[in-house]
């Protein structure tokens, strides 16, 4: 599983930055209330290498999804085209 950030300019990713403990807590509450999740070395080694986590905002929710690297790169390319980027302008000489 990749930990590389494919689209660092993603608004959802920027808003979630530094919130991993809260997101993990919400996942545990939703998927395993009152329980724990143990992640072993075997779990880590068995995760597909070409799988990435998609973090996406959809209406009033945050969506987390495992997708292929190819799909993630396609989505990132669409996001880049959809977001208009205005680079900073140089100050004019007086």
C-alpha atoms as a PDB file:
ATOM      1  CA  UNK A   1       0.000   0.000   0.000  1.00  0.00           C
ATOM      2  CA  UNK A   2       1.381   3.368  -0.973  1.00  0.00           C
ATOM      3  CA  UNK A   3       1.840   6.250   1.461  1.00  0.00           C
ATOM      4  CA  UNK A   4       2.791   8.638  -1.328  1.00  0.00           C
ATOM      5  CA  UNK A   5       0.553  11.672  -1.720  1.00  0.00           C
ATOM      6  CA  UNK A   6      -0.491  11.725  -5.360  1.00  0.00           C
ATOM      7  CA  UNK A   7      -2.478  14.982  -5.263  1.00  0.00           C
ATOM      8  CA  UNK A   8      -1.194  17.239  -2.449  1.00  0.00           C
ATOM      9  CA  UNK A   9      -3.437  20.106  -3.606  1.00  0.00           C
ATOM     10  CA  UNK A  10      -6.622  18.127  -2.976  1.00  0.00           C
ATOM     11  CA  UNK A  11      -8.920  20.285  -0.825  1.00  0.00           C
ATOM     12  CA  UNK A  12     -10.123  17.220   1.108  1.00  0.00           C
ATOM     13  CA  UNK A  13      -6.561  16.165   1.840  1.00  0.00           C
ATOM     14  CA  UNK A  14      -5.590  19.660   2.954  1.00  0.00           C
ATOM     15  CA  UNK A  15      -8.553  19.828   5.361  1.00  0.00           C
ATOM     16  CA  UNK A  16      -7.750  16.364   6.751  1.00  0.00           C
ATOM     17  CA  UNK A  17      -4.060  17.176   7.277  1.00  0.00           C
ATOM     18  CA  UNK A  18      -3.114  16.443  10.895  1.00  0.00           C
ATOM     19  CA  UNK A  19      -6.501  14.827  11.601  1.00  0.00           C
ATOM     20  CA  UNK A  20      -5.448  11.177  11.238  1.00  0.00           C
ATOM     21  CA  UNK A  21      -6.167  10.302  14.888  1.00  0.00           C
ATOM     22  CA  UNK A  22      -9.694  11.718  14.636  1.00  0.00           C
ATOM     23  CA  UNK A  23     -10.291   9.888  11.339  1.00  0.00           C
ATOM     24  CA  UNK A  24      -8.997   6.598  12.820  1.00  0.00           C
ATOM     25  CA  UNK A  25     -11.195   7.098  15.887  1.00  0.00           C
ATOM     26  CA  UNK A  26     -14.262   7.666  13.731  1.00  0.00           C
ATOM     27  CA  UNK A  27     -13.453   4.580  11.649  1.00  0.00           C
ATOM     28  CA  UNK A  28     -13.110   2.453  14.785  1.00  0.00           C
ATOM     29  CA  UNK A  29     -16.371   3.831  16.160  1.00  0.00           C
ATOM     30  CA  UNK A  30     -18.197   3.165  12.902  1.00  0.00           C
ATOM     31  CA  UNK A  31     -16.707  -0.209  11.955  1.00  0.00           C
ATOM     32  CA  UNK A  32     -15.813  -1.748  15.298  1.00  0.00           C
ATOM     33  CA  UNK A  33     -17.712  -0.028  18.137  1.00  0.00           C
ATOM     34  CA  UNK A  34     -16.366  -1.005  21.540  1.00  0.00           C
ATOM     35  CA  UNK A  35     -13.672  -3.143  19.960  1.00  0.00           C
ATOM     36  CA  UNK A  36     -10.144  -2.752  18.742  1.00  0.00           C
ATOM     37  CA  UNK A  37      -8.368  -3.408  15.470  1.00  0.00           C
ATOM     38  CA  UNK A  38      -4.973  -5.091  15.548  1.00  0.00           C
ATOM     39  CA  UNK A  39      -2.659  -4.462  12.603  1.00  0.00           C
ATOM     40  CA  UNK A  40       0.132  -6.998  12.323  1.00  0.00           C
ATOM     41  CA  UNK A  41       3.260  -7.141  10.208  1.00  0.00           C
ATOM     42  CA  UNK A  42       1.506  -9.790   8.139  1.00  0.00           C
ATOM     43  CA  UNK A  43      -1.357  -7.365   7.464  1.00  0.00           C
ATOM     44  CA  UNK A  44       1.094  -4.735   6.298  1.00  0.00           C
ATOM     45  CA  UNK A  45       2.996  -7.171   4.087  1.00  0.00           C
ATOM     46  CA  UNK A  46      -0.202  -8.550   2.541  1.00  0.00           C
ATOM     47  CA  UNK A  47      -1.575  -5.149   1.483  1.00  0.00           C
ATOM     48  CA  UNK A  48      -1.416  -4.858  -2.313  1.00  0.00           C
ATOM     49  CA  UNK A  49       1.501  -2.651  -3.344  1.00  0.00           C
ATOM     50  CA  UNK A  50      -0.487  -0.832  -6.036  1.00  0.00           C
ATOM     51  CA  UNK A  51      -3.346   0.131  -3.690  1.00  0.00           C
ATOM     52  CA  UNK A  52      -3.749   3.692  -2.458  1.00  0.00           C
ATOM     53  CA  UNK A  53      -6.247   5.405  -0.170  1.00  0.00           C
ATOM     54  CA  UNK A  54      -8.608   7.878  -1.794  1.00  0.00           C
ATOM     55  CA  UNK A  55      -9.751  10.669   0.500  1.00  0.00           C
ATOM     56  CA  UNK A  56     -12.617  12.536  -1.121  1.00  0.00           C
ATOM     57  CA  UNK A  57     -15.385  14.893  -0.016  1.00  0.00           C
ATOM     58  CA  UNK A  58     -18.825  14.108  -1.321  1.00  0.00           C
ATOM     59  CA  UNK A  59     -21.718  16.363  -0.330  1.00  0.00           C
ATOM     60  CA  UNK A  60     -21.759  16.288   3.477  1.00  0.00           C
ATOM     61  CA  UNK A  61     -19.401  13.363   3.987  1.00  0.00           C
ATOM     62  CA  UNK A  62     -15.777  12.310   3.845  1.00  0.00           C
ATOM     63  CA  UNK A  63     -15.196   9.231   1.678  1.00  0.00           C
ATOM     64  CA  UNK A  64     -12.250   6.882   2.225  1.00  0.00           C
ATOM     65  CA  UNK A  65     -11.761   4.202  -0.404  1.00  0.00           C
ATOM     66  CA  UNK A  66      -9.027   1.786  -1.478  1.00  0.00           C
ATOM     67  CA  UNK A  67      -8.353   2.125  -5.196  1.00  0.00           C
ATOM     68  CA  UNK A  68      -5.625   1.210  -7.662  1.00  0.00           C
ATOM     69  CA  UNK A  69      -2.705   3.579  -8.265  1.00  0.00           C
ATOM     70  CA  UNK A  70      -3.825   3.993 -11.896  1.00  0.00           C
ATOM     71  CA  UNK A  71      -7.306   5.076 -10.789  1.00  0.00           C
ATOM     72  CA  UNK A  72      -5.820   7.473  -8.209  1.00  0.00           C
ATOM     73  CA  UNK A  73      -3.589   9.078 -10.833  1.00  0.00           C
ATOM     74  CA  UNK A  74      -6.561   9.459 -13.201  1.00  0.00           C
ATOM     75  CA  UNK A  75      -8.638  11.135 -10.481  1.00  0.00           C
ATOM     76  CA  UNK A  76      -5.730  13.401  -9.490  1.00  0.00           C
ATOM     77  CA  UNK A  77      -5.307  14.489 -13.127  1.00  0.00           C
ATOM     78  CA  UNK A  78      -9.022  15.359 -13.312  1.00  0.00           C
ATOM     79  CA  UNK A  79      -8.796  17.310 -10.041  1.00  0.00           C
ATOM     80  CA  UNK A  80      -5.839  19.322 -11.343  1.00  0.00           C
ATOM     81  CA  UNK A  81      -7.764  20.232 -14.494  1.00  0.00           C
ATOM     82  CA  UNK A  82     -10.865  21.150 -12.474  1.00  0.00           C
ATOM     83  CA  UNK A  83      -9.069  23.499 -10.079  1.00  0.00           C
ATOM     84  CA  UNK A  84      -8.001  26.780 -11.627  1.00  0.00           C
ATOM     85  CA  UNK A  85      -4.536  27.716 -10.392  1.00  0.00           C
ATOM     86  CA  UNK A  86      -3.422  31.323 -10.532  1.00  0.00           C
ATOM     87  CA  UNK A  87       0.294  31.520  -9.811  1.00  0.00           C
ATOM     88  CA  UNK A  88       1.428  34.521  -7.786  1.00  0.00           C
ATOM     89  CA  UNK A  89       2.400  37.495  -9.887  1.00  0.00           C
ATOM     90  CA  UNK A  90       5.673  39.315  -9.558  1.00  0.00           C
ATOM     91  CA  UNK A  91       5.396  42.819  -8.122  1.00  0.00           C
ATOM     92  CA  UNK A  92       5.764  45.450 -10.778  1.00  0.00           C
ATOM     93  CA  UNK A  93       8.788  47.714 -10.651  1.00  0.00           C
ATOM     94  CA  UNK A  94       8.010  51.276  -9.645  1.00  0.00           C
END
